[in-house]
Each structure stands twice: as C-alpha cells, then as structure tokens.
Amino acid sequence: MSEYFFGLGRGRVGAGVEKRCDKIAGRHGAHIVVVTLPGEGPRYWFAGQNLGFPFDRDMERAVLADLEAAGLWPVPTRR
C-alpha cells in the first residue's frame, strides 16, 4: 500500500517538537517525517496510509487541526 503525504515544510524540527507532532499525528494513523536532503537542506512532512479520497483528506484535516490546536501548526522550525 502506498502512503499519502501532506504538510510539506522546510526547516529544522527540534526533537521535542518532532515527538509531540508524531504523537498527535499518530492518533490519526499518520506520522511526521524529518529529513535533511542533500542540496535542499532540512525538510519535514506528514505521511499516512493512502486509502484514497475522502479518507486521505479527512486524515490530513484532522492531523492539521489537532496540530494547530496544540500550537504546532505551522510546525515551529529553526534555520
């Protein structure tokens, strides 16, 4: 099964913020991905199982709404 990606962003995500975001996303079957891509620098996004429309949209909305309620959307980053 493929993954559905959403919430793409740039910048360094601190370990504490990453852990909190992952816990919130996990409630909805998603997780945060934090990487440093060569030539592009630090990036992050959220991913969850791709179940198709409307399930993907609903998961994205739920995750982002809960992150926003927790003061974590947009994800706080460092340069």
N, C-alpha and C. Protein backbone atom coordinates (compact mmCIF):
# COMPACT_ATOMS: atom_id res chain seq x y z
N MET A 1 0.86 -1.17 0.00
CA MET A 1 0.00 0.00 0.00
C MET A 1 0.90 1.23 0.00
N SER A 2 0.49 2.25 -0.71
CA SER A 2 1.27 3.48 -0.80
C SER A 2 0.94 4.41 0.38
N GLU A 3 1.71 5.49 0.46
CA GLU A 3 1.50 6.47 1.51
C GLU A 3 0.96 7.77 0.94
N TYR A 4 0.23 8.48 1.76
CA TYR A 4 -0.30 9.80 1.43
C TYR A 4 0.54 10.81 2.19
N PHE A 5 1.09 11.80 1.48
CA PHE A 5 1.96 12.80 2.08
C PHE A 5 1.25 14.15 2.12
N PHE A 6 1.46 14.91 3.20
CA PHE A 6 0.86 16.24 3.31
C PHE A 6 1.65 17.07 4.30
N GLY A 7 1.43 18.38 4.30
CA GLY A 7 2.06 19.28 5.26
C GLY A 7 3.54 19.48 5.05
N LEU A 8 3.99 19.51 3.81
CA LEU A 8 5.41 19.68 3.49
C LEU A 8 5.92 21.03 3.99
N GLY A 9 7.10 21.02 4.62
CA GLY A 9 7.70 22.25 5.10
C GLY A 9 9.21 22.17 5.11
N ARG A 10 9.84 23.31 5.29
CA ARG A 10 11.31 23.40 5.33
C ARG A 10 11.74 23.94 6.70
N GLY A 11 12.93 23.52 7.13
CA GLY A 11 13.50 23.99 8.38
C GLY A 11 13.76 22.85 9.33
N ARG A 12 14.61 23.11 10.31
CA ARG A 12 14.97 22.10 11.30
C ARG A 12 13.87 21.99 12.35
N VAL A 13 13.45 20.77 12.59
CA VAL A 13 12.43 20.50 13.61
C VAL A 13 13.15 19.93 14.83
N GLY A 14 13.01 20.57 15.97
CA GLY A 14 13.63 20.09 17.19
C GLY A 14 13.06 18.74 17.62
N ALA A 15 13.85 17.98 18.37
CA ALA A 15 13.44 16.64 18.79
C ALA A 15 12.15 16.67 19.61
N GLY A 16 12.00 17.64 20.48
CA GLY A 16 10.79 17.74 21.29
C GLY A 16 9.56 18.03 20.46
N VAL A 17 9.70 18.94 19.50
CA VAL A 17 8.59 19.27 18.60
C VAL A 17 8.25 18.07 17.74
N GLU A 18 9.27 17.39 17.23
CA GLU A 18 9.04 16.20 16.40
C GLU A 18 8.25 15.14 17.17
N LYS A 19 8.63 14.92 18.41
CA LYS A 19 7.96 13.91 19.23
C LYS A 19 6.50 14.28 19.47
N ARG A 20 6.24 15.55 19.78
CA ARG A 20 4.87 16.00 20.02
C ARG A 20 4.02 15.90 18.75
N CYS A 21 4.59 16.32 17.62
CA CYS A 21 3.88 16.23 16.34
C CYS A 21 3.57 14.78 15.98
N ASP A 22 4.54 13.90 16.21
CA ASP A 22 4.36 12.49 15.87
C ASP A 22 3.26 11.86 16.73
N LYS A 23 3.21 12.24 17.99
CA LYS A 23 2.18 11.70 18.88
C LYS A 23 0.79 12.14 18.42
N ILE A 24 0.66 13.41 18.06
CA ILE A 24 -0.63 13.93 17.59
C ILE A 24 -1.02 13.28 16.27
N ALA A 25 -0.09 13.21 15.33
CA ALA A 25 -0.37 12.60 14.03
C ALA A 25 -0.72 11.12 14.19
N GLY A 26 -0.08 10.45 15.13
CA GLY A 26 -0.32 9.03 15.36
C GLY A 26 -1.75 8.72 15.76
N ARG A 27 -2.41 9.66 16.39
CA ARG A 27 -3.82 9.47 16.77
C ARG A 27 -4.72 9.28 15.54
N HIS A 28 -4.21 9.73 14.40
CA HIS A 28 -4.99 9.67 13.16
C HIS A 28 -4.36 8.72 12.13
N GLY A 29 -3.42 7.91 12.57
CA GLY A 29 -2.80 6.95 11.67
C GLY A 29 -1.72 7.53 10.78
N ALA A 30 -1.14 8.64 11.18
CA ALA A 30 -0.08 9.29 10.40
C ALA A 30 1.17 9.45 11.26
N HIS A 31 2.25 9.92 10.67
CA HIS A 31 3.48 10.21 11.40
C HIS A 31 4.22 11.34 10.70
N ILE A 32 5.16 11.95 11.40
CA ILE A 32 5.96 13.02 10.82
C ILE A 32 7.26 12.41 10.30
N VAL A 33 7.70 12.91 9.17
CA VAL A 33 8.97 12.50 8.56
C VAL A 33 9.87 13.73 8.59
N VAL A 34 11.05 13.61 9.20
CA VAL A 34 12.00 14.72 9.30
C VAL A 34 13.31 14.25 8.68
N VAL A 35 13.76 14.94 7.63
CA VAL A 35 14.98 14.54 6.92
C VAL A 35 15.79 15.76 6.53
N THR A 36 17.05 15.53 6.20
CA THR A 36 17.89 16.54 5.58
C THR A 36 18.28 16.00 4.21
N LEU A 37 17.80 16.65 3.17
CA LEU A 37 18.05 16.20 1.80
C LEU A 37 19.27 16.92 1.24
N PRO A 38 20.20 16.18 0.65
CA PRO A 38 21.39 16.82 0.06
C PRO A 38 20.99 17.87 -0.97
N GLY A 39 21.58 19.03 -0.84
CA GLY A 39 21.30 20.12 -1.76
C GLY A 39 20.01 20.87 -1.47
N GLU A 40 19.17 20.35 -0.58
CA GLU A 40 17.90 21.02 -0.26
C GLU A 40 17.80 21.41 1.20
N GLY A 41 18.53 20.73 2.06
CA GLY A 41 18.50 21.06 3.48
C GLY A 41 17.40 20.34 4.23
N PRO A 42 17.12 20.80 5.46
CA PRO A 42 16.12 20.14 6.31
C PRO A 42 14.70 20.36 5.81
N ARG A 43 13.94 19.27 5.83
CA ARG A 43 12.54 19.30 5.40
C ARG A 43 11.74 18.38 6.31
N TYR A 44 10.44 18.56 6.27
CA TYR A 44 9.55 17.66 7.02
C TYR A 44 8.23 17.53 6.27
N TRP A 45 7.51 16.46 6.56
CA TRP A 45 6.17 16.26 6.04
C TRP A 45 5.49 15.21 6.88
N PHE A 46 4.22 15.05 6.68
CA PHE A 46 3.45 14.03 7.37
C PHE A 46 3.04 12.97 6.36
N ALA A 47 2.94 11.73 6.83
CA ALA A 47 2.58 10.62 5.95
C ALA A 47 1.65 9.68 6.69
N GLY A 48 0.77 9.08 5.92
CA GLY A 48 -0.15 8.07 6.46
C GLY A 48 -0.54 7.13 5.34
N GLN A 49 -1.17 6.06 5.67
CA GLN A 49 -1.58 5.07 4.67
C GLN A 49 -2.52 5.71 3.66
N ASN A 50 -2.26 5.50 2.38
CA ASN A 50 -3.07 6.06 1.31
C ASN A 50 -4.32 5.20 1.13
N LEU A 51 -5.44 5.71 1.61
CA LEU A 51 -6.71 5.00 1.49
C LEU A 51 -7.61 5.60 0.43
N GLY A 52 -7.14 6.65 -0.23
CA GLY A 52 -7.93 7.31 -1.27
C GLY A 52 -8.87 8.36 -0.72
N PHE A 53 -9.48 9.08 -1.64
CA PHE A 53 -10.43 10.13 -1.28
C PHE A 53 -11.72 9.49 -0.79
N PRO A 54 -12.35 9.96 0.23
CA PRO A 54 -12.12 11.15 1.04
C PRO A 54 -11.30 10.88 2.29
N PHE A 55 -10.86 9.63 2.48
CA PHE A 55 -10.17 9.25 3.72
C PHE A 55 -8.85 10.01 3.91
N ASP A 56 -8.08 10.18 2.82
CA ASP A 56 -6.81 10.91 2.93
C ASP A 56 -7.05 12.36 3.34
N ARG A 57 -8.03 12.99 2.71
CA ARG A 57 -8.35 14.38 3.03
C ARG A 57 -8.79 14.51 4.49
N ASP A 58 -9.59 13.57 4.94
CA ASP A 58 -10.08 13.63 6.31
C ASP A 58 -8.94 13.46 7.32
N MET A 59 -8.00 12.55 7.02
CA MET A 59 -6.85 12.35 7.89
C MET A 59 -6.01 13.63 7.94
N GLU A 60 -5.73 14.21 6.78
CA GLU A 60 -4.94 15.44 6.73
C GLU A 60 -5.60 16.55 7.53
N ARG A 61 -6.88 16.76 7.33
CA ARG A 61 -7.59 17.82 8.06
C ARG A 61 -7.57 17.59 9.56
N ALA A 62 -7.75 16.34 9.99
CA ALA A 62 -7.76 16.04 11.43
C ALA A 62 -6.39 16.27 12.05
N VAL A 63 -5.34 15.81 11.37
CA VAL A 63 -3.98 15.99 11.90
C VAL A 63 -3.65 17.47 12.00
N LEU A 64 -3.86 18.21 10.93
CA LEU A 64 -3.50 19.63 10.93
C LEU A 64 -4.35 20.43 11.92
N ALA A 65 -5.60 20.07 12.09
CA ALA A 65 -6.45 20.76 13.08
C ALA A 65 -5.94 20.51 14.49
N ASP A 66 -5.57 19.27 14.80
CA ASP A 66 -5.05 18.96 16.14
C ASP A 66 -3.69 19.62 16.38
N LEU A 67 -2.85 19.66 15.34
CA LEU A 67 -1.56 20.35 15.48
C LEU A 67 -1.77 21.83 15.72
N GLU A 68 -2.69 22.43 15.00
CA GLU A 68 -2.98 23.86 15.17
C GLU A 68 -3.51 24.13 16.58
N ALA A 69 -4.39 23.28 17.07
CA ALA A 69 -4.94 23.44 18.42
C ALA A 69 -3.85 23.35 19.48
N ALA A 70 -2.81 22.57 19.20
CA ALA A 70 -1.69 22.40 20.13
C ALA A 70 -0.61 23.47 19.93
N GLY A 71 -0.82 24.38 18.98
CA GLY A 71 0.17 25.42 18.71
C GLY A 71 1.36 24.92 17.92
N LEU A 72 1.18 23.82 17.19
CA LEU A 72 2.28 23.21 16.44
C LEU A 72 2.08 23.27 14.93
N TRP A 73 1.11 24.06 14.47
CA TRP A 73 0.94 24.23 13.02
C TRP A 73 0.78 25.70 12.71
N PRO A 74 1.63 26.24 11.85
CA PRO A 74 2.71 25.54 11.17
C PRO A 74 3.77 25.05 12.16
N VAL A 75 4.45 23.97 11.77
CA VAL A 75 5.45 23.35 12.65
C VAL A 75 6.56 24.35 12.94
N PRO A 76 6.85 24.59 14.23
CA PRO A 76 7.94 25.51 14.58
C PRO A 76 9.29 24.92 14.15
N THR A 77 10.05 25.70 13.40
CA THR A 77 11.36 25.24 12.92
C THR A 77 12.44 26.25 13.24
N ARG A 78 13.66 25.78 13.11
CA ARG A 78 14.85 26.62 13.24
C ARG A 78 15.55 26.62 11.90
N ARG A 79 16.29 27.63 11.62
CA ARG A 79 17.06 27.70 10.36
C ARG A 79 18.31 26.89 10.45
